[in-house]
């Protein structure tokens, strides 16, 4: 059983939000079930690198997140970009 601490969302990643919302898996469990090295998963959700996954990994991500249509995937797995608006 995953503890609440292990399941907390890190940063502002849409992939992390989906993992928390749609699974009971920790980051490590999710990455393992999807065939993604843990460090790679962390780089994806932090925005340090763009995901370059295999078809097998993409299918596993969709399976674990119960995604049936490609449109249900986020545009990016990294943190959401903050707008640079300033009030003048």
PDB file of N, CA and C in Angstrom:
ATOM      1  N   UNK A   1       0.841  -1.174   0.000  1.00  0.00           N
ATOM      2  CA  UNK A   1       0.000   0.000   0.000  1.00  0.00           C
ATOM      3  C   UNK A   1       0.886   1.236   0.000  1.00  0.00           C
ATOM      4  N   UNK A   2       0.542   2.224  -0.831  1.00  0.00           N
ATOM      5  CA  UNK A   2       1.316   3.460  -0.933  1.00  0.00           C
ATOM      6  C   UNK A   2       0.880   4.433   0.149  1.00  0.00           C
ATOM      7  N   UNK A   3       1.847   5.120   0.708  1.00  0.00           N
ATOM      8  CA  UNK A   3       1.497   6.117   1.712  1.00  0.00           C
ATOM      9  C   UNK A   3       1.160   7.425   1.013  1.00  0.00           C
ATOM     10  N   UNK A   4       0.495   8.320   1.716  1.00  0.00           N
ATOM     11  CA  UNK A   4       0.121   9.612   1.168  1.00  0.00           C
ATOM     12  C   UNK A   4       1.368  10.389   0.754  1.00  0.00           C
ATOM     13  N   UNK A   5       2.423  10.297   1.548  1.00  0.00           N
ATOM     14  CA  UNK A   5       3.658  11.016   1.255  1.00  0.00           C
ATOM     15  C   UNK A   5       4.243  10.572  -0.084  1.00  0.00           C
ATOM     16  N   UNK A   6       4.239   9.259  -0.367  1.00  0.00           N
ATOM     17  CA  UNK A   6       4.798   8.742  -1.613  1.00  0.00           C
ATOM     18  C   UNK A   6       3.981   9.175  -2.821  1.00  0.00           C
ATOM     19  N   UNK A   7       2.689   9.462  -2.627  1.00  0.00           N
ATOM     20  CA  UNK A   7       1.805   9.765  -3.741  1.00  0.00           C
ATOM     21  C   UNK A   7       1.652  11.255  -3.988  1.00  0.00           C
ATOM     22  N   UNK A   8       2.292  12.091  -3.213  1.00  0.00           N
ATOM     23  CA  UNK A   8       2.114  13.528  -3.395  1.00  0.00           C
ATOM     24  C   UNK A   8       2.651  13.957  -4.758  1.00  0.00           C
ATOM     25  N   UNK A   9       2.047  14.985  -5.284  1.00  0.00           N
ATOM     26  CA  UNK A   9       2.439  15.498  -6.583  1.00  0.00           C
ATOM     27  C   UNK A   9       3.645  16.402  -6.440  1.00  0.00           C
ATOM     28  N   UNK A  10       4.601  16.223  -7.326  1.00  0.00           N
ATOM     29  CA  UNK A  10       5.774  17.090  -7.349  1.00  0.00           C
ATOM     30  C   UNK A  10       5.627  18.072  -8.496  1.00  0.00           C
ATOM     31  N   UNK A  11       5.724  19.332  -8.188  1.00  0.00           N
ATOM     32  CA  UNK A  11       5.690  20.348  -9.220  1.00  0.00           C
ATOM     33  C   UNK A  11       4.320  20.520  -9.827  1.00  0.00           C
ATOM     34  N   UNK A  12       4.323  20.950 -11.068  1.00  0.00           N
ATOM     35  CA  UNK A  12       3.103  21.325 -11.764  1.00  0.00           C
ATOM     36  C   UNK A  12       2.946  20.483 -13.030  1.00  0.00           C
ATOM     37  N   UNK A  13       3.264  19.209 -12.948  1.00  0.00           N
ATOM     38  CA  UNK A  13       3.265  18.332 -14.114  1.00  0.00           C
ATOM     39  C   UNK A  13       1.883  17.730 -14.366  1.00  0.00           C
ATOM     40  N   UNK A  14       1.363  17.862 -15.598  1.00  0.00           N
ATOM     41  CA  UNK A  14       0.088  17.230 -15.933  1.00  0.00           C
ATOM     42  C   UNK A  14       0.144  15.706 -15.789  1.00  0.00           C
ATOM     43  N   UNK A  15       1.287  15.111 -16.094  1.00  0.00           N
ATOM     44  CA  UNK A  15       1.422  13.657 -15.942  1.00  0.00           C
ATOM     45  C   UNK A  15       1.297  13.263 -14.480  1.00  0.00           C
ATOM     46  N   UNK A  16       1.911  14.032 -13.598  1.00  0.00           N
ATOM     47  CA  UNK A  16       1.813  13.763 -12.163  1.00  0.00           C
ATOM     48  C   UNK A  16       0.372  13.927 -11.676  1.00  0.00           C
ATOM     49  N   UNK A  17      -0.307  14.958 -12.163  1.00  0.00           N
ATOM     50  CA  UNK A  17      -1.705  15.170 -11.773  1.00  0.00           C
ATOM     51  C   UNK A  17      -2.558  13.981 -12.191  1.00  0.00           C
ATOM     52  N   UNK A  18      -2.335  13.464 -13.389  1.00  0.00           N
ATOM     53  CA  UNK A  18      -3.075  12.285 -13.850  1.00  0.00           C
ATOM     54  C   UNK A  18      -2.747  11.053 -13.013  1.00  0.00           C
ATOM     55  N   UNK A  19      -1.461  10.875 -12.690  1.00  0.00           N
ATOM     56  CA  UNK A  19      -1.052   9.715 -11.880  1.00  0.00           C
ATOM     57  C   UNK A  19      -1.765   9.738 -10.533  1.00  0.00           C
ATOM     58  N   UNK A  20      -1.791  10.901  -9.894  1.00  0.00           N
ATOM     59  CA  UNK A  20      -2.433  11.035  -8.593  1.00  0.00           C
ATOM     60  C   UNK A  20      -3.939  10.809  -8.711  1.00  0.00           C
ATOM     61  N   UNK A  21      -4.549  11.394  -9.720  1.00  0.00           N
ATOM     62  CA  UNK A  21      -6.002  11.338  -9.887  1.00  0.00           C
ATOM     63  C   UNK A  21      -6.507   9.956 -10.303  1.00  0.00           C
ATOM     64  N   UNK A  22      -5.746   9.281 -11.167  1.00  0.00           N
ATOM     65  CA  UNK A  22      -6.266   8.050 -11.768  1.00  0.00           C
ATOM     66  C   UNK A  22      -5.663   6.752 -11.244  1.00  0.00           C
ATOM     67  N   UNK A  23      -4.632   6.837 -10.393  1.00  0.00           N
ATOM     68  CA  UNK A  23      -4.024   5.606  -9.878  1.00  0.00           C
ATOM     69  C   UNK A  23      -3.798   5.711  -8.375  1.00  0.00           C
ATOM     70  N   UNK A  24      -3.472   4.590  -7.791  1.00  0.00           N
ATOM     71  CA  UNK A  24      -3.053   4.537  -6.387  1.00  0.00           C
ATOM     72  C   UNK A  24      -1.558   4.260  -6.305  1.00  0.00           C
ATOM     73  N   UNK A  25      -0.840   4.520  -7.385  1.00  0.00           N
ATOM     74  CA  UNK A  25       0.575   4.176  -7.476  1.00  0.00           C
ATOM     75  C   UNK A  25       1.468   5.333  -7.053  1.00  0.00           C
ATOM     76  N   UNK A  26       2.587   4.987  -6.422  1.00  0.00           N
ATOM     77  CA  UNK A  26       3.616   5.989  -6.157  1.00  0.00           C
ATOM     78  C   UNK A  26       4.318   6.305  -7.478  1.00  0.00           C
ATOM     79  N   UNK A  27       5.153   7.328  -7.477  1.00  0.00           N
ATOM     80  CA  UNK A  27       5.925   7.651  -8.683  1.00  0.00           C
ATOM     81  C   UNK A  27       6.758   6.453  -9.123  1.00  0.00           C
ATOM     82  N   UNK A  28       7.442   5.832  -8.173  1.00  0.00           N
ATOM     83  CA  UNK A  28       8.307   4.699  -8.499  1.00  0.00           C
ATOM     84  C   UNK A  28       7.504   3.523  -9.052  1.00  0.00           C
ATOM     85  N   UNK A  29       6.357   3.233  -8.452  1.00  0.00           N
ATOM     86  CA  UNK A  29       5.515   2.127  -8.925  1.00  0.00           C
ATOM     87  C   UNK A  29       4.992   2.415 -10.326  1.00  0.00           C
ATOM     88  N   UNK A  30       4.558   3.647 -10.562  1.00  0.00           N
ATOM     89  CA  UNK A  30       4.042   4.034 -11.868  1.00  0.00           C
ATOM     90  C   UNK A  30       5.131   3.905 -12.932  1.00  0.00           C
ATOM     91  N   UNK A  31       6.291   4.451 -12.648  1.00  0.00           N
ATOM     92  CA  UNK A  31       7.407   4.376 -13.605  1.00  0.00           C
ATOM     93  C   UNK A  31       7.761   2.925 -13.898  1.00  0.00           C
ATOM     94  N   UNK A  32       7.830   2.091 -12.869  1.00  0.00           N
ATOM     95  CA  UNK A  32       8.170   0.684 -13.044  1.00  0.00           C
ATOM     96  C   UNK A  32       7.138  -0.020 -13.917  1.00  0.00           C
ATOM     97  N   UNK A  33       5.845   0.187 -13.629  1.00  0.00           N
ATOM     98  CA  UNK A  33       4.783  -0.475 -14.397  1.00  0.00           C
ATOM     99  C   UNK A  33       4.776  -0.018 -15.851  1.00  0.00           C
ATOM    100  N   UNK A  34       5.280   1.181 -16.105  1.00  0.00           N
ATOM    101  CA  UNK A  34       5.314   1.717 -17.463  1.00  0.00           C
ATOM    102  C   UNK A  34       6.642   1.438 -18.169  1.00  0.00           C
ATOM    103  N   UNK A  35       7.573   0.777 -17.477  1.00  0.00           N
ATOM    104  CA  UNK A  35       8.852   0.444 -18.083  1.00  0.00           C
ATOM    105  C   UNK A  35       9.761   1.649 -18.257  1.00  0.00           C
ATOM    106  N   UNK A  36       9.608   2.621 -17.379  1.00  0.00           N
ATOM    107  CA  UNK A  36      10.394   3.856 -17.462  1.00  0.00           C
ATOM    108  C   UNK A  36      11.346   3.905 -16.271  1.00  0.00           C
ATOM    109  N   UNK A  37      12.638   4.097 -16.493  1.00  0.00           N
ATOM    110  CA  UNK A  37      13.555   4.240 -15.362  1.00  0.00           C
ATOM    111  C   UNK A  37      13.112   5.405 -14.461  1.00  0.00           C
ATOM    112  N   UNK A  38      13.234   5.209 -13.159  1.00  0.00           N
ATOM    113  CA  UNK A  38      12.777   6.195 -12.178  1.00  0.00           C
ATOM    114  C   UNK A  38      13.383   7.577 -12.431  1.00  0.00           C
ATOM    115  N   UNK A  39      14.684   7.641 -12.659  1.00  0.00           N
ATOM    116  CA  UNK A  39      15.343   8.928 -12.890  1.00  0.00           C
ATOM    117  C   UNK A  39      14.804   9.600 -14.155  1.00  0.00           C
ATOM    118  N   UNK A  40      14.520   8.818 -15.181  1.00  0.00           N
ATOM    119  CA  UNK A  40      13.965   9.351 -16.420  1.00  0.00           C
ATOM    120  C   UNK A  40      12.589   9.949 -16.169  1.00  0.00           C
ATOM    121  N   UNK A  41      11.752   9.225 -15.410  1.00  0.00           N
ATOM    122  CA  UNK A  41      10.415   9.720 -15.081  1.00  0.00           C
ATOM    123  C   UNK A  41      10.509  11.062 -14.358  1.00  0.00           C
ATOM    124  N   UNK A  42      11.420  11.161 -13.406  1.00  0.00           N
ATOM    125  CA  UNK A  42      11.586  12.408 -12.649  1.00  0.00           C
ATOM    126  C   UNK A  42      12.054  13.549 -13.553  1.00  0.00           C
ATOM    127  N   UNK A  43      12.920  13.244 -14.524  1.00  0.00           N
ATOM    128  CA  UNK A  43      13.353  14.288 -15.463  1.00  0.00           C
ATOM    129  C   UNK A  43      12.180  14.746 -16.329  1.00  0.00           C
ATOM    130  N   UNK A  44      11.304  13.814 -16.724  1.00  0.00           N
ATOM    131  CA  UNK A  44      10.134  14.165 -17.537  1.00  0.00           C
ATOM    132  C   UNK A  44       9.213  15.100 -16.776  1.00  0.00           C
ATOM    133  N   UNK A  45       8.863  14.735 -15.541  1.00  0.00           N
ATOM    134  CA  UNK A  45       7.875  15.527 -14.807  1.00  0.00           C
ATOM    135  C   UNK A  45       8.443  16.859 -14.298  1.00  0.00           C
ATOM    136  N   UNK A  46       9.764  16.937 -14.191  1.00  0.00           N
ATOM    137  CA  UNK A  46      10.380  18.204 -13.767  1.00  0.00           C
ATOM    138  C   UNK A  46      10.597  19.134 -14.959  1.00  0.00           C
ATOM    139  N   UNK A  47      10.471  18.590 -16.168  1.00  0.00           N
ATOM    140  CA  UNK A  47      10.696  19.382 -17.366  1.00  0.00           C
ATOM    141  C   UNK A  47      12.155  19.450 -17.776  1.00  0.00           C
ATOM    142  N   UNK A  48      13.012  18.675 -17.101  1.00  0.00           N
ATOM    143  CA  UNK A  48      14.443  18.687 -17.427  1.00  0.00           C
ATOM    144  C   UNK A  48      14.703  18.104 -18.813  1.00  0.00           C
ATOM    145  N   UNK A  49      13.891  17.129 -19.218  1.00  0.00           N
ATOM    146  CA  UNK A  49      14.020  16.544 -20.553  1.00  0.00           C
ATOM    147  C   UNK A  49      12.641  16.296 -21.138  1.00  0.00           C
ATOM    148  N   UNK A  50      12.579  16.303 -22.454  1.00  0.00           N
ATOM    149  CA  UNK A  50      11.350  15.945 -23.160  1.00  0.00           C
ATOM    150  C   UNK A  50      11.267  14.424 -23.225  1.00  0.00           C
ATOM    151  N   UNK A  51      10.077  13.863 -23.015  1.00  0.00           N
ATOM    152  CA  UNK A  51       9.945  12.407 -23.090  1.00  0.00           C
ATOM    153  C   UNK A  51      10.265  11.868 -24.485  1.00  0.00           C
ATOM    154  N   UNK A  52      11.024  10.807 -24.503  1.00  0.00           N
ATOM    155  CA  UNK A  52      11.295  10.049 -25.727  1.00  0.00           C
ATOM    156  C   UNK A  52      11.008   8.607 -25.359  1.00  0.00           C
ATOM    157  N   UNK A  53       9.739   8.224 -25.480  1.00  0.00           N
ATOM    158  CA  UNK A  53       9.354   6.896 -25.029  1.00  0.00           C
ATOM    159  C   UNK A  53       9.113   5.958 -26.196  1.00  0.00           C
ATOM    160  N   UNK A  54       9.166   4.693 -25.887  1.00  0.00           N
ATOM    161  CA  UNK A  54       8.865   3.676 -26.885  1.00  0.00           C
ATOM    162  C   UNK A  54       7.353   3.518 -26.979  1.00  0.00           C
ATOM    163  N   UNK A  55       6.891   2.855 -28.017  1.00  0.00           N
ATOM    164  CA  UNK A  55       5.471   2.584 -28.157  1.00  0.00           C
ATOM    165  C   UNK A  55       4.973   1.742 -26.987  1.00  0.00           C
ATOM    166  N   UNK A  56       5.800   0.808 -26.538  1.00  0.00           N
ATOM    167  CA  UNK A  56       5.449  -0.029 -25.383  1.00  0.00           C
ATOM    168  C   UNK A  56       5.243   0.830 -24.124  1.00  0.00           C
ATOM    169  N   UNK A  57       6.124   1.799 -23.907  1.00  0.00           N
ATOM    170  CA  UNK A  57       5.987   2.686 -22.745  1.00  0.00           C
ATOM    171  C   UNK A  57       4.740   3.556 -22.867  1.00  0.00           C
ATOM    172  N   UNK A  58       4.485   4.081 -24.055  1.00  0.00           N
ATOM    173  CA  UNK A  58       3.304   4.910 -24.265  1.00  0.00           C
ATOM    174  C   UNK A  58       2.029   4.110 -24.009  1.00  0.00           C
ATOM    175  N   UNK A  59       1.995   2.888 -24.499  1.00  0.00           N
ATOM    176  CA  UNK A  59       0.830   2.027 -24.251  1.00  0.00           C
ATOM    177  C   UNK A  59       0.652   1.761 -22.759  1.00  0.00           C
ATOM    178  N   UNK A  60       1.747   1.542 -22.055  1.00  0.00           N
ATOM    179  CA  UNK A  60       1.679   1.286 -20.610  1.00  0.00           C
ATOM    180  C   UNK A  60       1.182   2.522 -19.868  1.00  0.00           C
ATOM    181  N   UNK A  61       1.654   3.698 -20.252  1.00  0.00           N
ATOM    182  CA  UNK A  61       1.186   4.941 -19.628  1.00  0.00           C
ATOM    183  C   UNK A  61      -0.321   5.062 -19.815  1.00  0.00           C
ATOM    184  N   UNK A  62      -0.785   4.852 -21.041  1.00  0.00           N
ATOM    185  CA  UNK A  62      -2.222   4.939 -21.326  1.00  0.00           C
ATOM    186  C   UNK A  62      -3.006   3.887 -20.537  1.00  0.00           C
ATOM    187  N   UNK A  63      -2.483   2.697 -20.443  1.00  0.00           N
ATOM    188  CA  UNK A  63      -3.161   1.623 -19.697  1.00  0.00           C
ATOM    189  C   UNK A  63      -3.268   1.989 -18.221  1.00  0.00           C
ATOM    190  N   UNK A  64      -2.175   2.423 -17.615  1.00  0.00           N
ATOM    191  CA  UNK A  64      -2.178   2.742 -16.188  1.00  0.00           C
ATOM    192  C   UNK A  64      -3.054   3.953 -15.873  1.00  0.00           C
ATOM    193  N   UNK A  65      -3.138   4.900 -16.801  1.00  0.00           N
ATOM    194  CA  UNK A  65      -3.941   6.102 -16.587  1.00  0.00           C
ATOM    195  C   UNK A  65      -5.362   5.964 -17.137  1.00  0.00           C
ATOM    196  N   UNK A  66      -5.683   4.779 -17.647  1.00  0.00           N
ATOM    197  CA  UNK A  66      -7.009   4.493 -18.202  1.00  0.00           C
ATOM    198  C   UNK A  66      -7.367   5.485 -19.309  1.00  0.00           C
ATOM    199  N   UNK A  67      -6.396   5.753 -20.162  1.00  0.00           N
ATOM    200  CA  UNK A  67      -6.584   6.663 -21.293  1.00  0.00           C
ATOM    201  C   UNK A  67      -6.900   5.825 -22.520  1.00  0.00           C
ATOM    202  N   UNK A  68      -8.015   6.144 -23.164  1.00  0.00           N
ATOM    203  CA  UNK A  68      -8.445   5.389 -24.339  1.00  0.00           C
ATOM    204  C   UNK A  68      -8.251   6.156 -25.640  1.00  0.00           C
ATOM    205  N   UNK A  69      -8.180   7.487 -25.548  1.00  0.00           N
ATOM    206  CA  UNK A  69      -8.029   8.316 -26.743  1.00  0.00           C
ATOM    207  C   UNK A  69      -6.779   9.170 -26.610  1.00  0.00           C
ATOM    208  N   UNK A  70      -6.064   9.318 -27.687  1.00  0.00           N
ATOM    209  CA  UNK A  70      -4.822  10.088 -27.679  1.00  0.00           C
ATOM    210  C   UNK A  70      -5.062  11.531 -27.220  1.00  0.00           C
ATOM    211  N   UNK A  71      -6.247  12.061 -27.481  1.00  0.00           N
ATOM    212  CA  UNK A  71      -6.572  13.429 -27.072  1.00  0.00           C
ATOM    213  C   UNK A  71      -6.618  13.591 -25.556  1.00  0.00           C
ATOM    214  N   UNK A  72      -6.709  12.494 -24.817  1.00  0.00           N
ATOM    215  CA  UNK A  72      -6.759  12.556 -23.363  1.00  0.00           C
ATOM    216  C   UNK A  72      -5.371  12.719 -22.741  1.00  0.00           C
ATOM    217  N   UNK A  73      -4.318  12.533 -23.538  1.00  0.00           N
ATOM    218  CA  UNK A  73      -2.956  12.728 -23.049  1.00  0.00           C
ATOM    219  C   UNK A  73      -2.648  14.217 -22.957  1.00  0.00           C
ATOM    220  N   UNK A  74      -1.875  14.634 -21.962  1.00  0.00           N
ATOM    221  CA  UNK A  74      -1.494  16.052 -21.890  1.00  0.00           C
ATOM    222  C   UNK A  74      -0.547  16.403 -23.035  1.00  0.00           C
ATOM    223  N   UNK A  75      -0.515  17.676 -23.388  1.00  0.00           N
ATOM    224  CA  UNK A  75       0.383  18.143 -24.451  1.00  0.00           C
ATOM    225  C   UNK A  75       1.841  17.986 -24.047  1.00  0.00           C
ATOM    226  N   UNK A  76       2.112  18.125 -22.756  1.00  0.00           N
ATOM    227  CA  UNK A  76       3.457  18.008 -22.228  1.00  0.00           C
ATOM    228  C   UNK A  76       3.400  17.269 -20.901  1.00  0.00           C
ATOM    229  N   UNK A  77       4.454  16.529 -20.578  1.00  0.00           N
ATOM    230  CA  UNK A  77       4.502  15.822 -19.305  1.00  0.00           C
ATOM    231  C   UNK A  77       5.200  16.647 -18.234  1.00  0.00           C
ATOM    232  N   UNK A  78       5.918  17.677 -18.639  1.00  0.00           N
ATOM    233  CA  UNK A  78       6.648  18.515 -17.694  1.00  0.00           C
ATOM    234  C   UNK A  78       5.745  19.546 -17.045  1.00  0.00           C
ATOM    235  N   UNK A  79       6.325  20.404 -16.222  1.00  0.00           N
ATOM    236  CA  UNK A  79       5.538  21.428 -15.523  1.00  0.00           C
ATOM    237  C   UNK A  79       4.829  22.354 -16.497  1.00  0.00           C
ATOM    238  N   UNK A  80       3.649  22.820 -16.084  1.00  0.00           N
ATOM    239  CA  UNK A  80       2.931  23.799 -16.904  1.00  0.00           C
ATOM    240  C   UNK A  80       3.725  25.083 -16.899  1.00  0.00           C
ATOM    241  N   UNK A  81       3.781  25.700 -18.052  1.00  0.00           N
ATOM    242  CA  UNK A  81       4.501  26.970 -18.191  1.00  0.00           C
ATOM    243  C   UNK A  81       3.690  28.084 -17.534  1.00  0.00           C
ATOM    244  N   UNK A  82       4.371  28.925 -16.786  1.00  0.00           N
ATOM    245  CA  UNK A  82       3.736  30.074 -16.151  1.00  0.00           C
ATOM    246  C   UNK A  82       3.764  31.242 -17.137  1.00  0.00           C
ATOM    247  N   UNK A  83       2.671  31.981 -17.199  1.00  0.00           N
ATOM    248  CA  UNK A  83       2.660  33.147 -18.077  1.00  0.00           C
ATOM    249  C   UNK A  83       3.530  34.237 -17.479  1.00  0.00           C
ATOM    250  N   UNK A  84       4.113  35.051 -18.313  1.00  0.00           N
ATOM    251  CA  UNK A  84       4.995  36.122 -17.869  1.00  0.00           C
ATOM    252  C   UNK A  84       4.283  37.472 -17.854  1.00  0.00           C
ATOM    253  N   UNK A  85       3.024  37.462 -17.481  1.00  0.00           N
ATOM    254  CA  UNK A  85       2.267  38.704 -17.453  1.00  0.00           C
ATOM    255  C   UNK A  85       2.648  39.507 -16.218  1.00  0.00           C
ATOM    256  N   UNK A  86       2.763  40.799 -16.411  1.00  0.00           N
ATOM    257  CA  UNK A  86       3.009  41.685 -15.283  1.00  0.00           C
ATOM    258  C   UNK A  86       1.921  42.729 -15.283  1.00  0.00           C
ATOM    259  N   UNK A  87       1.506  43.140 -14.137  1.00  0.00           N
ATOM    260  CA  UNK A  87       0.506  44.193 -14.006  1.00  0.00           C
ATOM    261  C   UNK A  87       1.203  45.534 -14.003  1.00  0.00           C
ATOM    262  N   UNK A  88       0.912  46.343 -15.019  1.00  0.00           N
ATOM    263  CA  UNK A  88       1.548  47.660 -15.121  1.00  0.00           C
ATOM    264  C   UNK A  88       0.551  48.740 -14.862  1.00  0.00           C
TER     265      UNK A  88
END
